[in-house]
Protein backbone atom coordinates (compact mmCIF):
# COMPACT_ATOMS: atom_id res chain seq x y z
CA MET A 1 62.90 -19.56 -86.71
CA ALA A 2 63.91 -16.91 -84.22
CA ASN A 3 66.17 -14.14 -85.59
CA LEU A 4 68.97 -14.47 -83.12
CA LYS A 5 71.58 -11.56 -82.69
CA GLY A 6 75.05 -12.54 -83.49
CA ASN A 7 74.06 -15.67 -85.46
CA THR A 8 77.19 -17.35 -86.69
CA PRO A 9 77.81 -19.95 -89.50
CA HIS A 10 78.15 -22.52 -86.68
CA SER A 11 74.72 -21.65 -85.10
CA ALA A 12 73.16 -21.75 -88.62
CA LEU A 13 74.65 -25.20 -89.27
CA ALA A 14 73.49 -26.44 -85.77
CA MET A 15 69.80 -25.30 -86.50
CA GLN A 16 70.10 -27.14 -89.98
CA ILE A 17 71.04 -30.23 -88.06
CA VAL A 18 68.19 -29.85 -85.65
CA GLN A 19 65.66 -29.41 -88.57
CA THR A 20 67.10 -32.27 -90.44
CA ALA A 21 66.89 -34.50 -87.35
CA LEU A 22 63.31 -33.86 -87.01
CA LYS A 23 62.71 -35.50 -90.39
CA SER A 24 61.04 -38.96 -89.87
CA ASP A 25 63.77 -40.54 -92.45
CA CYS A 26 66.78 -38.81 -91.08
CA SER A 27 69.90 -40.92 -90.53
CA VAL A 28 72.91 -40.48 -88.25
CA GLY A 29 75.15 -40.59 -91.28
CA GLU A 30 73.18 -37.83 -92.78
CA LEU A 31 73.79 -35.52 -89.68
CA ALA A 32 77.55 -36.52 -89.41
CA LYS A 33 78.05 -35.30 -93.14
CA LEU A 34 76.45 -32.06 -92.19
CA ALA A 35 78.49 -31.71 -89.17
CA GLU A 36 81.67 -32.39 -91.23
CA THR A 37 80.86 -29.45 -93.73
CA ASP A 38 82.25 -26.95 -91.03
CA PRO A 39 85.52 -28.05 -89.21
CA GLY A 40 84.89 -25.23 -86.68
CA PHE A 41 81.53 -26.75 -85.74
CA GLY A 42 82.95 -30.17 -85.68
CA ILE A 43 85.69 -29.18 -83.23
CA ARG A 44 83.00 -27.72 -80.90
CA LEU A 45 80.98 -30.65 -81.26
CA LEU A 46 83.77 -32.99 -80.13
CA SER A 47 84.59 -30.47 -77.22
CA VAL A 48 81.05 -30.71 -75.92
CA VAL A 49 80.75 -34.38 -76.53
CA ASN A 50 83.94 -35.09 -74.48
CA SER A 51 82.73 -32.82 -71.58
CA SER A 52 81.35 -34.10 -68.51
CA ALA A 53 78.02 -32.64 -69.52
CA TYR A 54 77.45 -35.68 -71.89
CA ALA A 55 79.43 -38.10 -69.59
CA LEU A 56 80.30 -40.65 -72.33
CA PRO A 57 82.32 -43.62 -71.42
CA HIS A 58 85.23 -43.11 -73.87
CA LYS A 59 86.72 -40.25 -75.44
CA VAL A 60 85.39 -39.44 -78.96
CA ASN A 61 88.07 -38.51 -81.76
CA ASP A 62 86.01 -37.83 -84.74
CA VAL A 63 82.72 -36.41 -85.82
CA PRO A 64 81.23 -39.66 -87.38
CA GLN A 65 82.27 -41.56 -84.38
CA ALA A 66 80.54 -38.88 -82.07
CA ALA A 67 77.25 -38.97 -84.37
CA SER A 68 77.19 -42.80 -84.09
CA LEU A 69 77.45 -42.90 -80.34
CA LEU A 70 74.99 -40.05 -79.93
CA GLY A 71 72.41 -41.27 -82.42
CA VAL A 72 69.87 -38.86 -84.28
CA ASP A 73 68.25 -37.70 -81.09
CA GLY A 74 71.53 -37.09 -79.45
CA MET A 75 73.01 -35.15 -82.41
CA LYS A 76 69.81 -33.04 -82.41
CA ASN A 77 70.16 -32.38 -78.63
CA LEU A 78 73.81 -31.59 -79.03
CA ALA A 79 73.04 -29.22 -81.94
CA LEU A 80 70.30 -27.44 -79.75
CA GLY A 81 72.97 -27.02 -76.87
CA LEU A 82 75.34 -25.32 -79.19
CA SER A 83 72.49 -23.18 -80.70
CA LEU A 84 71.46 -22.14 -77.18
CA SER A 85 75.13 -21.45 -76.05
CA GLN A 86 75.50 -19.08 -79.20
CA MET A 87 72.31 -17.17 -78.12
CA ALA A 88 74.07 -16.13 -74.95
CA PRO A 89 76.32 -12.87 -75.90
CA VAL A 90 80.06 -12.83 -75.10
CA GLY A 91 80.71 -10.79 -71.78
CA PRO A 92 79.74 -10.73 -68.23
CA GLU A 93 75.93 -10.44 -68.83
CA GLY A 94 76.03 -13.20 -71.50
CA GLU A 95 78.09 -15.46 -69.24
CA LEU A 96 75.48 -14.88 -66.34
CA LEU A 97 72.71 -15.98 -68.63
CA LEU A 98 74.59 -18.76 -69.99
CA GLY A 99 75.28 -20.05 -66.52
CA ILE A 100 71.75 -19.81 -65.50
CA CYS A 101 70.83 -22.19 -68.40
CA LEU A 102 73.59 -24.48 -67.82
CA ARG A 103 72.77 -24.88 -64.14
CA ARG A 104 69.21 -26.16 -65.00
CA GLY A 105 70.53 -28.48 -67.64
CA VAL A 106 72.91 -30.10 -65.54
CA ALA A 107 70.51 -30.40 -62.62
CA ALA A 108 67.96 -31.85 -64.89
CA ARG A 109 70.33 -34.52 -66.21
CA LEU A 110 71.56 -35.60 -62.64
CA LEU A 111 68.03 -35.82 -61.51
CA ALA A 112 67.13 -38.07 -64.50
CA GLU A 113 70.24 -40.11 -63.86
CA ARG A 114 69.30 -40.65 -60.12
CA MET A 115 65.80 -41.68 -61.18
CA GLY A 116 67.28 -44.58 -63.50
CA MET A 117 66.21 -42.44 -66.52
CA ARG A 118 69.62 -42.63 -68.29
CA LYS A 119 68.16 -43.16 -71.72
CA ARG A 120 66.37 -39.90 -71.34
CA ALA A 121 69.19 -37.94 -69.43
CA ASP A 122 70.24 -36.03 -72.76
CA ASP A 123 66.67 -35.14 -73.32
CA CYS A 124 66.25 -33.86 -69.77
CA PHE A 125 69.66 -31.85 -70.05
CA ILE A 126 68.41 -30.15 -73.18
CA THR A 127 65.11 -29.42 -71.55
CA GLY A 128 66.58 -27.94 -68.52
CA LEU A 129 68.92 -26.12 -70.70
CA PHE A 130 66.14 -24.40 -72.48
CA LEU A 131 64.11 -23.52 -69.42
CA GLU A 132 65.45 -19.86 -69.31
CA THR A 133 65.64 -19.27 -73.02
CA GLY A 134 62.98 -16.55 -72.59
CA LEU A 135 65.74 -14.50 -70.76
CA LEU A 136 68.09 -15.09 -73.73
CA THR A 137 65.59 -13.97 -76.26
CA TRP A 138 64.91 -10.78 -74.36
CA ALA A 139 68.49 -10.34 -74.03
CA SER A 140 68.83 -10.29 -77.87
CA ASP A 141 66.62 -6.95 -77.71
CA ASP A 142 67.72 -5.49 -74.28
CA LEU A 143 70.87 -7.34 -72.67
CA ARG A 144 71.01 -5.06 -69.75
CA ALA A 145 67.36 -5.28 -68.67
CA ALA A 146 67.43 -9.24 -69.19
CA ALA A 147 70.70 -9.45 -67.14
CA ASP A 148 69.14 -7.31 -64.38
CA VAL A 149 66.17 -9.58 -64.06
CA ALA A 150 68.60 -12.61 -64.01
CA ARG A 151 70.39 -11.29 -60.98
CA TRP A 152 67.07 -11.52 -59.10
CA PRO A 153 66.45 -14.50 -57.11
CA ALA A 154 65.15 -17.17 -59.43
CA GLU A 155 61.62 -17.49 -57.99
CA ALA A 156 61.16 -13.77 -58.29
CA ARG A 157 62.02 -13.43 -61.96
CA PRO A 158 58.51 -13.95 -63.59
CA LEU A 159 57.10 -11.45 -61.16
CA GLN A 160 59.75 -8.76 -61.88
CA GLU A 161 59.19 -9.33 -65.77
CA ARG A 162 55.50 -8.76 -65.09
CA LEU A 163 56.30 -5.53 -63.15
CA LEU A 164 58.40 -4.48 -66.02
CA GLY A 165 55.49 -4.95 -68.46
CA GLN A 166 57.27 -7.90 -70.12
CA MET A 167 55.96 -11.31 -71.05
CA PRO A 168 57.32 -13.75 -68.35
CA HIS A 169 60.19 -15.79 -69.51
CA PRO A 170 58.37 -19.22 -69.23
CA ALA A 171 55.88 -18.07 -71.92
CA ARG A 172 58.48 -16.30 -74.02
CA GLY A 173 60.70 -19.41 -74.02
CA ALA A 174 57.76 -21.76 -74.79
CA ALA A 175 56.99 -19.53 -77.94
CA LEU A 176 60.63 -19.84 -78.98
CA ALA A 177 60.65 -23.85 -78.55
CA GLU A 178 57.36 -23.87 -80.56
CA GLU A 179 59.04 -21.78 -83.36
CA TRP A 180 62.02 -24.06 -83.35
CA ASN A 181 59.61 -27.04 -83.73
CA LEU A 182 60.77 -28.82 -80.52
CA SER A 183 58.70 -31.39 -79.10
CA GLU A 184 55.60 -30.63 -77.03
CA GLU A 185 57.21 -32.28 -73.93
CA ILE A 186 60.01 -29.58 -74.10
CA VAL A 187 57.57 -26.73 -74.79
CA SER A 188 55.22 -27.81 -71.77
CA ALA A 189 58.23 -28.11 -69.48
CA ILE A 190 59.49 -24.59 -70.38
CA ARG A 191 55.93 -23.16 -69.99
CA HIS A 192 55.35 -24.79 -66.59
CA HIS A 193 58.83 -24.68 -64.81
CA HIS A 194 57.83 -21.86 -62.65
CA ASP A 195 54.25 -23.21 -61.62
CA GLU A 196 53.72 -23.58 -57.96
CA VAL A 197 52.36 -27.16 -58.44
CA ALA A 198 54.64 -29.86 -60.17
CA PRO A 199 53.34 -30.81 -63.71
CA SER A 200 52.16 -34.30 -64.20
CA ASP A 201 54.35 -35.61 -67.01
CA LEU A 202 57.69 -36.91 -66.09
CA VAL A 203 60.13 -34.60 -68.07
CA SER A 204 58.30 -31.54 -67.18
CA LYS A 205 58.33 -32.67 -63.39
CA VAL A 206 62.11 -33.21 -63.77
CA ALA A 207 62.58 -29.75 -65.21
CA TRP A 208 60.27 -28.31 -62.58
CA ALA A 209 62.48 -29.78 -59.88
CA ALA A 210 65.58 -28.72 -61.74
CA GLU A 211 64.46 -25.11 -61.50
CA ARG A 212 64.24 -25.39 -57.80
CA LEU A 213 67.64 -27.02 -57.46
CA ALA A 214 69.19 -24.31 -59.55
CA ALA A 215 67.56 -21.68 -57.48
CA VAL A 216 69.53 -22.66 -54.33
CA PHE A 217 72.54 -20.97 -56.24
CA GLU A 218 70.57 -18.05 -57.39
CA GLY A 219 68.76 -16.63 -54.28
CA SER A 220 69.32 -14.83 -51.08
CA ALA A 221 68.49 -17.73 -48.81
CA PRO A 222 70.21 -20.96 -49.72
CA GLU A 223 68.76 -22.83 -46.62
CA THR A 224 65.22 -21.87 -47.62
CA ALA A 225 65.96 -22.68 -51.14
CA THR A 226 67.64 -26.00 -50.20
CA LYS A 227 64.29 -26.93 -48.42
CA ASN A 228 62.42 -26.14 -51.58
CA ALA A 229 64.77 -28.38 -53.65
CA ILE A 230 64.47 -31.35 -51.33
CA HIS A 231 60.67 -31.08 -51.35
CA ALA A 232 60.92 -30.89 -55.12
CA GLY A 233 63.14 -34.04 -55.09
CA ALA A 234 60.67 -35.67 -53.10
CA LYS A 235 57.98 -35.24 -55.86
CA LEU A 236 60.38 -37.46 -57.97
CA ASN A 237 60.72 -40.01 -55.08
CA LEU A 238 64.39 -38.89 -54.48
CA LYS A 239 65.62 -38.83 -50.91
CA GLU A 240 67.24 -35.78 -49.23
CA LYS A 241 70.76 -37.22 -49.50
CA MET A 242 70.39 -37.72 -53.31
CA ILE A 243 69.22 -34.03 -53.71
CA THR A 244 72.11 -32.60 -51.50
CA ASP A 245 74.60 -34.87 -53.53
CA ILE A 246 73.28 -33.40 -56.77
CA LEU A 247 73.54 -29.83 -55.34
CA ASP A 248 77.33 -30.53 -54.34
CA ALA A 249 77.83 -31.88 -57.98
CA ILE A 250 76.21 -28.98 -59.85
CA PRO A 251 78.92 -26.13 -59.62
CA THR A 252 81.70 -28.27 -61.00
CA LEU A 253 79.74 -29.76 -63.82
CA VAL A 254 78.38 -26.34 -64.83
CA SER A 255 81.85 -25.17 -65.27
CA SER A 256 82.75 -28.21 -67.20
CA ALA A 257 79.87 -27.88 -69.52
CA ALA A 258 80.57 -24.26 -70.30
CA SER A 259 84.19 -25.19 -71.21
CA GLY A 260 82.72 -27.86 -73.56
CA PHE A 261 80.70 -24.88 -75.19
CA ASN A 262 84.06 -23.06 -75.26
CA ARG A 263 82.74 -20.59 -72.74
CA ASP A 264 84.25 -19.36 -69.49
CA ILE A 265 81.42 -18.46 -67.04
CA GLY A 266 83.59 -17.73 -64.12
CA ALA A 267 84.11 -19.53 -60.81
CA GLN A 268 81.01 -21.35 -59.50
CA ILE A 269 80.72 -21.28 -55.72
CA GLY A 270 80.15 -24.71 -54.19
CA PHE A 271 77.12 -25.73 -52.31
CA GLU A 272 78.94 -26.04 -48.82
CA ALA A 273 80.66 -22.62 -49.30
CA LEU A 274 77.17 -21.23 -50.16
CA LYS A 275 75.65 -22.49 -46.96
CA GLN A 276 78.46 -21.04 -44.94
CA GLN A 277 77.87 -17.53 -46.28
CA VAL A 278 74.51 -17.41 -44.72
CA ASP A 279 74.11 -15.42 -41.26
CA GLN A 280 70.99 -14.46 -39.14
CA LYS A 281 71.08 -11.02 -40.98
CA LEU A 282 70.77 -12.44 -44.30
CA VAL A 283 67.92 -14.79 -43.03
CA GLU A 284 66.08 -11.75 -41.73
CA LEU A 285 66.72 -9.92 -44.99
CA ASN A 286 65.45 -12.95 -46.97
CA GLN A 287 62.30 -13.12 -44.86
CA ASN A 288 61.59 -9.35 -45.50
CA PHE A 289 62.40 -9.96 -49.33
CA HIS A 290 59.77 -12.76 -49.41
CA THR A 291 57.17 -10.63 -47.64
CA MET A 292 57.78 -7.86 -50.23
CA VAL A 293 57.44 -10.42 -53.19
CA HIS A 294 54.07 -11.56 -51.59
CA ARG A 295 52.81 -8.14 -51.31
CA LEU A 296 54.03 -7.33 -54.81
CA GLU A 297 52.17 -10.36 -56.09
CA ARG A 298 49.08 -9.27 -54.32
CA LEU A 299 49.30 -5.71 -55.74
CA LEU A 300 50.15 -6.90 -59.29
CA GLY A 301 47.16 -9.29 -59.03
CA GLU A 302 44.90 -6.43 -58.00
CA LYS A 303 46.34 -4.30 -60.82
CA GLU A 304 45.80 -6.99 -63.42
CA GLU A 305 42.21 -7.46 -62.11
CA LEU A 306 41.64 -3.75 -62.43
CA ASN A 307 42.97 -3.60 -65.98
CA ALA A 308 40.67 -6.42 -66.90
CA ARG A 309 37.70 -4.82 -65.48
CA LEU A 310 38.78 -1.44 -67.18
CA GLU A 311 39.09 -3.20 -70.42
CA THR A 312 35.78 -4.71 -70.04
CA ALA A 313 34.32 -1.31 -69.12
CA ASN A 314 36.03 0.24 -72.28
CA LYS A 315 34.39 -2.39 -74.50
CA ARG A 316 30.98 -1.72 -73.01
CA LEU A 317 31.32 1.98 -73.48
CA ALA A 318 32.55 1.34 -77.03
CA GLN A 319 29.37 -0.83 -77.43
CA LEU A 320 27.08 1.79 -75.92
CA ALA A 321 28.67 4.56 -78.16
CA SER A 322 27.83 2.42 -81.28
CA THR A 323 24.41 0.96 -80.23
CA ASP A 324 21.01 2.49 -80.54
CA GLY A 325 19.57 2.51 -77.03
CA LEU A 326 16.01 1.78 -78.01
CA THR A 327 16.34 -1.05 -80.37
CA GLY A 328 19.68 -2.68 -79.66
CA LEU A 329 20.80 -2.22 -83.27
CA PHE A 330 23.75 -0.39 -84.41
CA ASN A 331 23.25 3.49 -84.58
CA HIS A 332 23.75 5.72 -87.49
CA ARG A 333 27.39 6.48 -86.87
CA ALA A 334 28.17 2.69 -86.46
CA PHE A 335 26.23 2.04 -89.79
CA GLN A 336 28.35 4.52 -91.67
CA ASP A 337 31.66 3.10 -90.35
CA SER A 338 30.53 -0.54 -91.13
CA LEU A 339 29.29 0.49 -94.73
CA LYS A 340 32.90 2.05 -95.51
CA ARG A 341 34.62 -1.07 -94.22
CA ASP A 342 32.34 -3.42 -96.01
CA LEU A 343 32.58 -1.55 -99.26
CA HIS A 344 36.36 -1.62 -99.00
CA ARG A 345 36.27 -5.33 -98.50
CA ALA A 346 33.86 -5.60 -101.56
CA LYS A 347 36.30 -3.70 -103.75
CA ARG A 348 39.22 -6.22 -102.69
CA SER A 349 37.03 -9.44 -103.17
CA GLY A 350 35.02 -8.25 -106.23
CA LEU A 351 31.99 -9.81 -104.55
CA PRO A 352 28.73 -7.98 -104.46
CA LEU A 353 27.30 -5.92 -101.55
CA SER A 354 23.53 -5.18 -101.09
CA LEU A 355 21.74 -2.64 -99.03
CA ILE A 356 18.21 -2.74 -97.64
CA LEU A 357 16.56 0.60 -96.55
CA PHE A 358 13.20 0.52 -95.05
CA ASP A 359 10.95 2.36 -92.92
CA VAL A 360 7.58 2.00 -90.96
CA ASP A 361 4.46 2.99 -92.93
CA HIS A 362 2.35 5.64 -91.48
CA PHE A 363 4.62 5.66 -88.31
CA LYS A 364 3.36 9.25 -87.42
CA LYS A 365 -0.06 8.00 -86.61
CA PHE A 366 1.13 5.61 -84.02
CA ASN A 367 2.56 8.52 -81.99
CA ASP A 368 -0.32 10.87 -82.72
CA SER A 369 -2.90 8.39 -81.91
CA TRP A 370 -1.49 6.39 -79.01
CA GLY A 371 1.61 8.61 -77.92
CA HIS A 372 5.35 8.29 -78.17
CA GLN A 373 5.35 5.03 -76.18
CA ALA A 374 3.33 3.28 -78.89
CA GLY A 375 5.94 4.49 -81.52
CA ASP A 376 8.79 3.17 -79.21
CA ALA A 377 7.17 -0.29 -78.91
CA VAL A 378 6.88 -0.68 -82.56
CA LEU A 379 10.48 0.41 -83.09
CA MET A 380 11.55 -2.14 -80.41
CA ALA A 381 9.69 -4.86 -81.95
CA ILE A 382 11.17 -4.41 -85.45
CA GLY A 383 14.72 -4.13 -83.78
CA LYS A 384 14.21 -7.54 -82.14
CA LEU A 385 12.83 -9.08 -85.26
CA LEU A 386 15.88 -7.80 -87.32
CA LEU A 387 18.45 -9.17 -84.85
CA ALA A 388 16.75 -12.62 -85.00
CA SER A 389 16.51 -12.62 -88.79
CA VAL A 390 19.85 -11.67 -90.25
CA ARG A 391 22.99 -13.70 -90.79
CA ILE A 392 26.29 -13.24 -88.70
CA GLY A 393 28.26 -10.75 -90.82
CA ASP A 394 25.11 -8.76 -91.94
CA VAL A 395 24.86 -5.34 -90.30
CA PRO A 396 21.39 -4.32 -89.22
CA ALA A 397 21.17 -0.75 -87.91
CA ARG A 398 18.63 2.11 -87.08
CA TYR A 399 19.17 4.78 -89.87
CA GLY A 400 17.20 7.36 -87.95
CA GLY A 401 13.75 7.98 -86.69
CA GLU A 402 11.57 5.18 -88.07
CA GLU A 403 14.01 4.11 -90.94
CA PHE A 404 16.12 1.00 -90.69
CA VAL A 405 18.94 -0.27 -92.89
CA ILE A 406 20.87 -3.53 -93.42
CA ILE A 407 24.22 -4.07 -94.93
CA LEU A 408 24.48 -7.45 -96.66
CA PRO A 409 28.25 -8.28 -97.72
CA ASP A 410 28.87 -10.89 -100.21
CA THR A 411 25.17 -10.75 -101.33
CA PRO A 412 23.62 -10.05 -104.71
CA VAL A 413 20.56 -8.00 -105.11
CA GLU A 414 18.27 -11.05 -105.64
CA GLY A 415 19.29 -12.41 -102.16
CA ALA A 416 18.82 -8.97 -100.65
CA HIS A 417 15.32 -8.85 -102.29
CA GLN A 418 14.36 -12.19 -100.97
CA LEU A 419 15.37 -11.11 -97.38
CA ALA A 420 13.50 -7.85 -97.71
CA GLU A 421 10.36 -9.73 -98.74
CA ARG A 422 10.61 -11.91 -95.85
CA LEU A 423 11.10 -9.10 -93.42
CA ARG A 424 8.06 -7.31 -94.89
CA VAL A 425 5.93 -10.44 -94.37
CA PHE A 426 7.14 -10.74 -90.85
CA ILE A 427 6.68 -7.22 -90.05
CA SER A 428 3.08 -7.20 -91.54
CA ASN A 429 2.42 -10.09 -89.05
CA LEU A 430 3.62 -8.23 -86.15
CA ARG A 431 1.10 -7.34 -83.54
CA VAL A 432 2.30 -4.76 -81.14
CA LYS A 433 0.58 -4.48 -77.67
CA VAL A 434 0.39 -1.07 -76.17
CA GLY A 435 -1.84 -1.19 -73.35
CA ALA A 436 -5.39 -2.54 -74.36
CA ASN A 437 -4.52 -1.79 -78.01
CA THR A 438 -3.02 -4.06 -80.67
CA LEU A 439 -1.09 -2.17 -83.35
CA ASP A 440 -0.73 -3.54 -86.93
CA VAL A 441 2.55 -2.66 -88.71
CA THR A 442 3.64 -2.48 -92.33
CA SER A 443 6.93 -1.35 -93.82
CA SER A 444 8.19 -0.36 -97.33
CA PHE A 445 11.56 -1.47 -98.64
CA GLY A 446 14.12 -0.26 -101.03
CA VAL A 447 17.12 -2.49 -102.21
CA ALA A 448 20.34 -1.57 -104.07
CA GLU A 449 23.53 -3.22 -104.97
CA VAL A 450 27.13 -2.59 -105.85
CA ARG A 451 29.53 -4.96 -107.94
CA GLY A 452 32.86 -4.87 -109.32
CA ARG A 453 36.57 -4.12 -108.17
CA ARG A 454 36.48 -0.40 -107.75
CA GLU A 455 36.03 2.13 -104.92
CA HIS A 456 32.27 2.51 -104.30
CA ASP A 457 30.59 5.56 -103.06
CA ALA A 458 28.71 4.93 -99.82
CA ALA A 459 26.36 7.95 -100.39
CA LYS A 460 25.50 6.75 -103.83
CA LEU A 461 24.54 3.32 -102.60
CA ILE A 462 22.21 4.78 -99.91
CA GLU A 463 20.88 7.12 -102.30
CA ALA A 464 19.89 4.34 -104.73
CA ALA A 465 18.36 2.33 -101.89
CA ASP A 466 16.48 5.48 -100.77
CA THR A 467 15.05 6.13 -104.26
CA ALA A 468 13.76 2.62 -104.56
CA LEU A 469 12.26 2.94 -101.04
CA TYR A 470 10.63 6.26 -102.29
CA ALA A 471 9.22 4.28 -105.13
CA ALA A 472 7.69 1.60 -102.76
CA LYS A 473 6.02 4.30 -100.87
CA HIS A 474 4.74 6.04 -103.90
CA GLY A 475 3.60 2.74 -105.15
CA GLY A 476 1.29 1.99 -102.29
CA ARG A 477 3.65 1.03 -99.35
CA ASN A 478 4.05 -2.42 -97.84
CA GLN A 479 6.20 -3.59 -100.77
CA VAL A 480 9.80 -4.17 -101.75
CA VAL A 481 11.17 -2.25 -104.74
CA GLN A 482 14.56 -3.06 -106.22
CA ALA A 483 16.97 -0.44 -107.79
CA PRO A 484 16.98 -0.92 -111.64
CA GLU A 485 20.62 -1.67 -111.98
CA ALA A 486 23.52 -2.27 -109.66
CA LEU A 487 26.14 0.41 -109.21
CA SER A 488 29.39 -0.56 -110.63
């Protein structure tokens, strides 16, 4: 669960009710008993239930009655509403943020009711209420910055957050909803409420439209925002008159909902008064603002594309810095880094780690007889063979010159010996073409192993494998020699 600043006993109880309501065997009576454990919470619960935000037909006088009328889902939604209201700090910035949340909750409820979705009205209210929780979670870390973004026109907030290097609030809010184990329906609605195209599922579409209705009261051009709201309403098959009626009702209901949560968010300007404030200068200013927003979006997109290309280039540079250009295997430095890492993992796990070290027999003769091109062709053929022969997690590398090495995590020496023998046979079957010549190749192998939960010395492991390799060379080449005992 998110760590909310200013978390109170009331909000803790609210979240306990939410988590209890999510259980399959939860009963209304169980939730009512929980609510009655804190008289202060019960008073707030009744205050919210009797506010116009819930629009119940009769006044509710006690907690069990409220629970009975609301049901399990209703109690869960009400507890969520109380939890969200307590996330908004007390003070001008907190009231601004709470007002933004309530505006969307009220708009979503009214849209649902006009669509004949009265049984889902509470769900839509809570979904709308949670659309801007991403701003509230940011406010818990930096209230001033979150409030500054909240003062921007609604449609520009995600862009402003990106310009400030912040995760846009739809993604932040969806993450919080997932953390609170809210339904996928609510999570999806939060994540997509700023999308340009309306979502396909109904609750998300209602939330998407509620965002555009709320934006009428939070932008620099109410007339343009109203057209957008009417267009959004059409996606729900609601006529223009229904949308303007909802816009007329929103300010009063937002104030009432705030008082139900025992909060005062200040006077809410009415829709008609909002329209009367618009003059030609404001329209021109809005047009300039939207031009600036589109330009910023384009520049930001170009910046993000450039960052992605730079990241790809950096990854490519890192790959080049760790790769042998001739064979495509890890180079010596990358091998040493990998060996230190895998030895540390072997210490933690207690599993064995083996090392194969081998080189090409009589390699000098290839260069002396047919030139360096022949030697390079042999090395490239062996590199290709190694890449095709090892497991994911094994680390083949060019150790230097004609020497190669393979790190085998979680592998006892017996398994390493078997792999080395297979590679020896594969290499002896190689026929490397260099011009008109066909070169026969053999290699000698040394195999060593470490075991046990202790700090292993990379240099000693390499030395053990090298000693075994020298024995293979001294014993006639084209063979595998295993170190006599594991390092432990």
